[in-house]
Amino acid sequence: MELAAYDREDSAVLDALIFADMTTGPAGQSFDFDVRIDEILVRYEPGSEVHNAISKARPYLKGAVERTRARMVAQPM
């Protein structure tokens, strides 16, 4: 819990960074969020730090992806 001392910045920028990470695979390929999460969980064995962290954070990460998609629709480039 060493990171508990730090506040998480809840912002559009953080959401966009999460979106980029959670929709891009290790070789740069595009992924659906759920496929990307499953891909990570397959690479890291249950009980590992990464597996535990991704499993616990999944709802938050999904929310960030959904918020970013909504922003992209509302503000097309």
PDB file of N, CA and C in Angstrom:
ATOM      1  N   MET A   1       0.802  -1.189   0.000  1.00  0.00           N
ATOM      2  CA  MET A   1       0.000   0.000   0.000  1.00  0.00           C
ATOM      3  C   MET A   1       0.853   1.265   0.000  1.00  0.00           C
ATOM      4  N   GLU A   2       2.069   1.177  -0.452  1.00  0.00           N
ATOM      5  CA  GLU A   2       2.942   2.344  -0.481  1.00  0.00           C
ATOM      6  C   GLU A   2       2.371   3.456  -1.351  1.00  0.00           C
ATOM      7  N   LEU A   3       1.634   3.087  -2.398  1.00  0.00           N
ATOM      8  CA  LEU A   3       1.077   4.100  -3.301  1.00  0.00           C
ATOM      9  C   LEU A   3      -0.145   4.787  -2.709  1.00  0.00           C
ATOM     10  N   ALA A   4      -0.690   4.264  -1.634  1.00  0.00           N
ATOM     11  CA  ALA A   4      -1.872   4.866  -1.009  1.00  0.00           C
ATOM     12  C   ALA A   4      -1.588   6.285  -0.529  1.00  0.00           C
ATOM     13  N   ALA A   5      -0.340   6.614  -0.337  1.00  0.00           N
ATOM     14  CA  ALA A   5       0.017   7.955   0.108  1.00  0.00           C
ATOM     15  C   ALA A   5      -0.184   9.001  -0.981  1.00  0.00           C
ATOM     16  N   TYR A   6      -0.357   8.561  -2.216  1.00  0.00           N
ATOM     17  CA  TYR A   6      -0.490   9.479  -3.344  1.00  0.00           C
ATOM     18  C   TYR A   6      -1.940   9.561  -3.798  1.00  0.00           C
ATOM     19  N   ASP A   7      -2.361  10.765  -4.151  1.00  0.00           N
ATOM     20  CA  ASP A   7      -3.695  10.952  -4.718  1.00  0.00           C
ATOM     21  C   ASP A   7      -3.665  10.608  -6.192  1.00  0.00           C
ATOM     22  N   ARG A   8      -4.728   9.962  -6.670  1.00  0.00           N
ATOM     23  CA  ARG A   8      -4.844   9.672  -8.098  1.00  0.00           C
ATOM     24  C   ARG A   8      -5.493  10.874  -8.759  1.00  0.00           C
ATOM     25  N   GLU A   9      -4.916  11.315  -9.831  1.00  0.00           N
ATOM     26  CA  GLU A   9      -5.475  12.419 -10.600  1.00  0.00           C
ATOM     27  C   GLU A   9      -6.597  11.867 -11.474  1.00  0.00           C
ATOM     28  N   ASP A  10      -7.827  12.197 -11.156  1.00  0.00           N
ATOM     29  CA  ASP A  10      -8.947  11.799 -12.003  1.00  0.00           C
ATOM     30  C   ASP A  10      -9.167  12.915 -13.012  1.00  0.00           C
ATOM     31  N   SER A  11      -8.771  12.655 -14.254  1.00  0.00           N
ATOM     32  CA  SER A  11      -8.868  13.690 -15.277  1.00  0.00           C
ATOM     33  C   SER A  11      -9.045  13.057 -16.650  1.00  0.00           C
ATOM     34  N   ALA A  12      -9.390  13.886 -17.610  1.00  0.00           N
ATOM     35  CA  ALA A  12      -9.508  13.426 -18.991  1.00  0.00           C
ATOM     36  C   ALA A  12      -8.163  12.937 -19.523  1.00  0.00           C
ATOM     37  N   VAL A  13      -7.085  13.549 -19.070  1.00  0.00           N
ATOM     38  CA  VAL A  13      -5.745  13.141 -19.516  1.00  0.00           C
ATOM     39  C   VAL A  13      -5.436  11.727 -19.007  1.00  0.00           C
ATOM     40  N   LEU A  14      -5.705  11.469 -17.722  1.00  0.00           N
ATOM     41  CA  LEU A  14      -5.467  10.130 -17.189  1.00  0.00           C
ATOM     42  C   LEU A  14      -6.338   9.114 -17.920  1.00  0.00           C
ATOM     43  N   ASP A  15      -7.614   9.459 -18.135  1.00  0.00           N
ATOM     44  CA  ASP A  15      -8.496   8.554 -18.876  1.00  0.00           C
ATOM     45  C   ASP A  15      -7.937   8.254 -20.264  1.00  0.00           C
ATOM     46  N   ALA A  16      -7.426   9.269 -20.958  1.00  0.00           N
ATOM     47  CA  ALA A  16      -6.894   9.078 -22.308  1.00  0.00           C
ATOM     48  C   ALA A  16      -5.651   8.184 -22.295  1.00  0.00           C
ATOM     49  N   LEU A  17      -4.804   8.341 -21.295  1.00  0.00           N
ATOM     50  CA  LEU A  17      -3.619   7.487 -21.181  1.00  0.00           C
ATOM     51  C   LEU A  17      -4.021   6.039 -20.929  1.00  0.00           C
ATOM     52  N   ILE A  18      -5.002   5.843 -20.058  1.00  0.00           N
ATOM     53  CA  ILE A  18      -5.503   4.494 -19.796  1.00  0.00           C
ATOM     54  C   ILE A  18      -6.119   3.919 -21.063  1.00  0.00           C
ATOM     55  N   PHE A  19      -6.902   4.735 -21.778  1.00  0.00           N
ATOM     56  CA  PHE A  19      -7.519   4.300 -23.035  1.00  0.00           C
ATOM     57  C   PHE A  19      -6.443   3.809 -24.006  1.00  0.00           C
ATOM     58  N   ALA A  20      -5.386   4.595 -24.163  1.00  0.00           N
ATOM     59  CA  ALA A  20      -4.308   4.223 -25.089  1.00  0.00           C
ATOM     60  C   ALA A  20      -3.679   2.895 -24.681  1.00  0.00           C
ATOM     61  N   ASP A  21      -3.445   2.709 -23.394  1.00  0.00           N
ATOM     62  CA  ASP A  21      -2.818   1.482 -22.915  1.00  0.00           C
ATOM     63  C   ASP A  21      -3.758   0.287 -22.999  1.00  0.00           C
ATOM     64  N   MET A  22      -5.027   0.509 -22.692  1.00  0.00           N
ATOM     65  CA  MET A  22      -5.979  -0.602 -22.610  1.00  0.00           C
ATOM     66  C   MET A  22      -6.654  -0.937 -23.936  1.00  0.00           C
ATOM     67  N   THR A  23      -6.263  -0.261 -25.012  1.00  0.00           N
ATOM     68  CA  THR A  23      -6.783  -0.593 -26.344  1.00  0.00           C
ATOM     69  C   THR A  23      -5.662  -0.854 -27.342  1.00  0.00           C
ATOM     70  N   THR A  24      -4.442  -0.981 -26.816  1.00  0.00           N
ATOM     71  CA  THR A  24      -3.279  -1.246 -27.659  1.00  0.00           C
ATOM     72  C   THR A  24      -2.510  -2.427 -27.094  1.00  0.00           C
ATOM     73  N   GLY A  25      -2.205  -3.400 -27.953  1.00  0.00           N
ATOM     74  CA  GLY A  25      -1.487  -4.586 -27.521  1.00  0.00           C
ATOM     75  C   GLY A  25       0.005  -4.363 -27.454  1.00  0.00           C
ATOM     76  N   PRO A  26       0.738  -5.372 -26.999  1.00  0.00           N
ATOM     77  CA  PRO A  26       2.186  -5.253 -26.828  1.00  0.00           C
ATOM     78  C   PRO A  26       2.946  -4.974 -28.119  1.00  0.00           C
ATOM     79  N   ALA A  27       2.375  -5.357 -29.259  1.00  0.00           N
ATOM     80  CA  ALA A  27       3.051  -5.109 -30.540  1.00  0.00           C
ATOM     81  C   ALA A  27       2.431  -3.913 -31.278  1.00  0.00           C
ATOM     82  N   GLY A  28       1.619  -3.128 -30.573  1.00  0.00           N
ATOM     83  CA  GLY A  28       1.030  -1.937 -31.174  1.00  0.00           C
ATOM     84  C   GLY A  28      -0.296  -2.163 -31.873  1.00  0.00           C
ATOM     85  N   GLN A  29      -0.824  -3.378 -31.816  1.00  0.00           N
ATOM     86  CA  GLN A  29      -2.081  -3.684 -32.482  1.00  0.00           C
ATOM     87  C   GLN A  29      -3.262  -3.151 -31.671  1.00  0.00           C
ATOM     88  N   SER A  30      -4.362  -2.846 -32.366  1.00  0.00           N
ATOM     89  CA  SER A  30      -5.578  -2.376 -31.696  1.00  0.00           C
ATOM     90  C   SER A  30      -6.294  -3.544 -31.036  1.00  0.00           C
ATOM     91  N   PHE A  31      -6.806  -3.292 -29.844  1.00  0.00           N
ATOM     92  CA  PHE A  31      -7.524  -4.307 -29.085  1.00  0.00           C
ATOM     93  C   PHE A  31      -8.809  -3.717 -28.539  1.00  0.00           C
ATOM     94  N   ASP A  32      -9.838  -4.539 -28.450  1.00  0.00           N
ATOM     95  CA  ASP A  32     -11.014  -4.221 -27.668  1.00  0.00           C
ATOM     96  C   ASP A  32     -10.594  -4.290 -26.198  1.00  0.00           C
ATOM     97  N   PHE A  33     -11.211  -3.492 -25.343  1.00  0.00           N
ATOM     98  CA  PHE A  33     -10.830  -3.448 -23.934  1.00  0.00           C
ATOM     99  C   PHE A  33     -10.820  -4.837 -23.294  1.00  0.00           C
ATOM    100  N   ASP A  34     -11.920  -5.572 -23.418  1.00  0.00           N
ATOM    101  CA  ASP A  34     -12.005  -6.878 -22.759  1.00  0.00           C
ATOM    102  C   ASP A  34     -10.970  -7.863 -23.301  1.00  0.00           C
ATOM    103  N   VAL A  35     -10.703  -7.813 -24.583  1.00  0.00           N
ATOM    104  CA  VAL A  35      -9.676  -8.679 -25.173  1.00  0.00           C
ATOM    105  C   VAL A  35      -8.301  -8.304 -24.630  1.00  0.00           C
ATOM    106  N   ARG A  36      -8.045  -7.003 -24.500  1.00  0.00           N
ATOM    107  CA  ARG A  36      -6.759  -6.532 -23.974  1.00  0.00           C
ATOM    108  C   ARG A  36      -6.570  -6.986 -22.524  1.00  0.00           C
ATOM    109  N   ILE A  37      -7.614  -6.842 -21.713  1.00  0.00           N
ATOM    110  CA  ILE A  37      -7.509  -7.283 -20.322  1.00  0.00           C
ATOM    111  C   ILE A  37      -7.242  -8.784 -20.266  1.00  0.00           C
ATOM    112  N   ASP A  38      -7.983  -9.545 -21.049  1.00  0.00           N
ATOM    113  CA  ASP A  38      -7.786 -11.003 -21.069  1.00  0.00           C
ATOM    114  C   ASP A  38      -6.372 -11.356 -21.516  1.00  0.00           C
ATOM    115  N   GLU A  39      -5.855 -10.619 -22.495  1.00  0.00           N
ATOM    116  CA  GLU A  39      -4.496 -10.856 -22.987  1.00  0.00           C
ATOM    117  C   GLU A  39      -3.478 -10.628 -21.873  1.00  0.00           C
ATOM    118  N   ILE A  40      -3.665  -9.592 -21.095  1.00  0.00           N
ATOM    119  CA  ILE A  40      -2.758  -9.314 -19.977  1.00  0.00           C
ATOM    120  C   ILE A  40      -2.852 -10.424 -18.937  1.00  0.00           C
ATOM    121  N   LEU A  41      -4.081 -10.807 -18.600  1.00  0.00           N
ATOM    122  CA  LEU A  41      -4.267 -11.820 -17.564  1.00  0.00           C
ATOM    123  C   LEU A  41      -3.719 -13.185 -17.972  1.00  0.00           C
ATOM    124  N   VAL A  42      -3.676 -13.473 -19.270  1.00  0.00           N
ATOM    125  CA  VAL A  42      -3.091 -14.726 -19.753  1.00  0.00           C
ATOM    126  C   VAL A  42      -1.561 -14.678 -19.632  1.00  0.00           C
ATOM    127  N   ARG A  43      -0.977 -13.503 -19.891  1.00  0.00           N
ATOM    128  CA  ARG A  43       0.486 -13.381 -19.839  1.00  0.00           C
ATOM    129  C   ARG A  43       1.038 -13.448 -18.425  1.00  0.00           C
ATOM    130  N   TYR A  44       0.240 -13.020 -17.443  1.00  0.00           N
ATOM    131  CA  TYR A  44       0.707 -12.999 -16.059  1.00  0.00           C
ATOM    132  C   TYR A  44      -0.086 -14.006 -15.242  1.00  0.00           C
ATOM    133  N   GLU A  45       0.607 -14.856 -14.539  1.00  0.00           N
ATOM    134  CA  GLU A  45      -0.057 -15.929 -13.803  1.00  0.00           C
ATOM    135  C   GLU A  45      -0.883 -15.384 -12.646  1.00  0.00           C
ATOM    136  N   PRO A  46      -1.973 -16.093 -12.326  1.00  0.00           N
ATOM    137  CA  PRO A  46      -2.778 -15.701 -11.171  1.00  0.00           C
ATOM    138  C   PRO A  46      -1.910 -15.619  -9.916  1.00  0.00           C
ATOM    139  N   GLY A  47      -2.135 -14.593  -9.137  1.00  0.00           N
ATOM    140  CA  GLY A  47      -1.341 -14.376  -7.938  1.00  0.00           C
ATOM    141  C   GLY A  47      -0.186 -13.422  -8.140  1.00  0.00           C
ATOM    142  N   SER A  48       0.204 -13.178  -9.408  1.00  0.00           N
ATOM    143  CA  SER A  48       1.289 -12.226  -9.660  1.00  0.00           C
ATOM    144  C   SER A  48       0.782 -10.807  -9.404  1.00  0.00           C
ATOM    145  N   GLU A  49       1.712  -9.895  -9.185  1.00  0.00           N
ATOM    146  CA  GLU A  49       1.343  -8.505  -8.906  1.00  0.00           C
ATOM    147  C   GLU A  49       0.531  -7.905 -10.050  1.00  0.00           C
ATOM    148  N   VAL A  50       0.948  -8.158 -11.277  1.00  0.00           N
ATOM    149  CA  VAL A  50       0.254  -7.589 -12.430  1.00  0.00           C
ATOM    150  C   VAL A  50      -1.152  -8.184 -12.549  1.00  0.00           C
ATOM    151  N   HIS A  51      -1.260  -9.476 -12.440  1.00  0.00           N
ATOM    152  CA  HIS A  51      -2.569 -10.136 -12.536  1.00  0.00           C
ATOM    153  C   HIS A  51      -3.517  -9.589 -11.467  1.00  0.00           C
ATOM    154  N   ASN A  52      -3.028  -9.492 -10.241  1.00  0.00           N
ATOM    155  CA  ASN A  52      -3.859  -8.978  -9.152  1.00  0.00           C
ATOM    156  C   ASN A  52      -4.259  -7.527  -9.376  1.00  0.00           C
ATOM    157  N   ALA A  53      -3.304  -6.702  -9.787  1.00  0.00           N
ATOM    158  CA  ALA A  53      -3.586  -5.280  -9.980  1.00  0.00           C
ATOM    159  C   ALA A  53      -4.587  -5.051 -11.112  1.00  0.00           C
ATOM    160  N   ILE A  54      -4.394  -5.732 -12.232  1.00  0.00           N
ATOM    161  CA  ILE A  54      -5.298  -5.573 -13.378  1.00  0.00           C
ATOM    162  C   ILE A  54      -6.693  -6.085 -13.023  1.00  0.00           C
ATOM    163  N   SER A  55      -6.760  -7.208 -12.348  1.00  0.00           N
ATOM    164  CA  SER A  55      -8.058  -7.760 -11.947  1.00  0.00           C
ATOM    165  C   SER A  55      -8.804  -6.792 -11.036  1.00  0.00           C
ATOM    166  N   LYS A  56      -8.096  -6.234 -10.071  1.00  0.00           N
ATOM    167  CA  LYS A  56      -8.719  -5.303  -9.124  1.00  0.00           C
ATOM    168  C   LYS A  56      -9.110  -3.988  -9.803  1.00  0.00           C
ATOM    169  N   ALA A  57      -8.289  -3.514 -10.716  1.00  0.00           N
ATOM    170  CA  ALA A  57      -8.519  -2.211 -11.359  1.00  0.00           C
ATOM    171  C   ALA A  57      -9.446  -2.292 -12.562  1.00  0.00           C
ATOM    172  N   ARG A  58      -9.830  -3.476 -12.985  1.00  0.00           N
ATOM    173  CA  ARG A  58     -10.617  -3.636 -14.216  1.00  0.00           C
ATOM    174  C   ARG A  58     -11.828  -2.700 -14.301  1.00  0.00           C
ATOM    175  N   PRO A  59     -12.661  -2.583 -13.267  1.00  0.00           N
ATOM    176  CA  PRO A  59     -13.806  -1.670 -13.379  1.00  0.00           C
ATOM    177  C   PRO A  59     -13.381  -0.207 -13.585  1.00  0.00           C
ATOM    178  N   TYR A  60     -12.345   0.227 -12.889  1.00  0.00           N
ATOM    179  CA  TYR A  60     -11.865   1.600 -13.053  1.00  0.00           C
ATOM    180  C   TYR A  60     -11.303   1.800 -14.460  1.00  0.00           C
ATOM    181  N   LEU A  61     -10.504   0.844 -14.922  1.00  0.00           N
ATOM    182  CA  LEU A  61      -9.920   0.951 -16.265  1.00  0.00           C
ATOM    183  C   LEU A  61     -11.009   0.978 -17.333  1.00  0.00           C
ATOM    184  N   LYS A  62     -12.007   0.127 -17.186  1.00  0.00           N
ATOM    185  CA  LYS A  62     -13.117   0.101 -18.147  1.00  0.00           C
ATOM    186  C   LYS A  62     -13.848   1.435 -18.152  1.00  0.00           C
ATOM    187  N   GLY A  63     -14.059   2.016 -16.988  1.00  0.00           N
ATOM    188  CA  GLY A  63     -14.696   3.322 -16.899  1.00  0.00           C
ATOM    189  C   GLY A  63     -13.904   4.389 -17.629  1.00  0.00           C
ATOM    190  N   ALA A  64     -12.586   4.364 -17.486  1.00  0.00           N
ATOM    191  CA  ALA A  64     -11.734   5.340 -18.168  1.00  0.00           C
ATOM    192  C   ALA A  64     -11.841   5.193 -19.681  1.00  0.00           C
ATOM    193  N   VAL A  65     -11.868   3.958 -20.161  1.00  0.00           N
ATOM    194  CA  VAL A  65     -12.005   3.699 -21.601  1.00  0.00           C
ATOM    195  C   VAL A  65     -13.364   4.209 -22.089  1.00  0.00           C
ATOM    196  N   GLU A  66     -14.411   3.923 -21.339  1.00  0.00           N
ATOM    197  CA  GLU A  66     -15.752   4.367 -21.730  1.00  0.00           C
ATOM    198  C   GLU A  66     -15.875   5.888 -21.713  1.00  0.00           C
ATOM    199  N   ARG A  67     -15.300   6.538 -20.697  1.00  0.00           N
ATOM    200  CA  ARG A  67     -15.344   8.009 -20.645  1.00  0.00           C
ATOM    201  C   ARG A  67     -14.595   8.624 -21.823  1.00  0.00           C
ATOM    202  N   THR A  68     -13.460   8.039 -22.185  1.00  0.00           N
ATOM    203  CA  THR A  68     -12.683   8.567 -23.310  1.00  0.00           C
ATOM    204  C   THR A  68     -13.436   8.379 -24.620  1.00  0.00           C
ATOM    205  N   ARG A  69     -14.039   7.212 -24.799  1.00  0.00           N
ATOM    206  CA  ARG A  69     -14.842   6.996 -26.014  1.00  0.00           C
ATOM    207  C   ARG A  69     -15.980   8.014 -26.099  1.00  0.00           C
ATOM    208  N   ALA A  70     -16.637   8.277 -24.984  1.00  0.00           N
ATOM    209  CA  ALA A  70     -17.728   9.261 -24.960  1.00  0.00           C
ATOM    210  C   ALA A  70     -17.208  10.654 -25.310  1.00  0.00           C
ATOM    211  N   ARG A  71     -16.033  11.008 -24.802  1.00  0.00           N
ATOM    212  CA  ARG A  71     -15.438  12.311 -25.131  1.00  0.00           C
ATOM    213  C   ARG A  71     -15.100  12.392 -26.625  1.00  0.00           C
ATOM    214  N   MET A  72     -14.614  11.299 -27.181  1.00  0.00           N
ATOM    215  CA  MET A  72     -14.244  11.279 -28.595  1.00  0.00           C
ATOM    216  C   MET A  72     -15.477  11.467 -29.485  1.00  0.00           C
ATOM    217  N   VAL A  73     -16.597  10.889 -29.085  1.00  0.00           N
ATOM    218  CA  VAL A  73     -17.832  11.042 -29.850  1.00  0.00           C
ATOM    219  C   VAL A  73     -18.345  12.481 -29.725  1.00  0.00           C
ATOM    220  N   ALA A  74     -18.261  13.028 -28.516  1.00  0.00           N
ATOM    221  CA  ALA A  74     -18.768  14.368 -28.273  1.00  0.00           C
ATOM    222  C   ALA A  74     -17.899  15.443 -28.915  1.00  0.00           C
ATOM    223  N   GLN A  75     -16.619  15.168 -29.076  1.00  0.00           N
ATOM    224  CA  GLN A  75     -15.661  16.134 -29.628  1.00  0.00           C
ATOM    225  C   GLN A  75     -14.905  15.507 -30.792  1.00  0.00           C
ATOM    226  N   PRO A  76     -15.570  15.221 -31.916  1.00  0.00           N
ATOM    227  CA  PRO A  76     -14.859  14.599 -33.029  1.00  0.00           C
ATOM    228  C   PRO A  76     -13.723  15.491 -33.533  1.00  0.00           C
ATOM    229  N   MET A  77     -12.687  14.853 -34.003  1.00  0.00           N
ATOM    230  CA  MET A  77     -11.521  15.594 -34.483  1.00  0.00           C
ATOM    231  C   MET A  77     -11.730  16.149 -35.840  1.00  0.00           C
TER     232      MET A  77
END
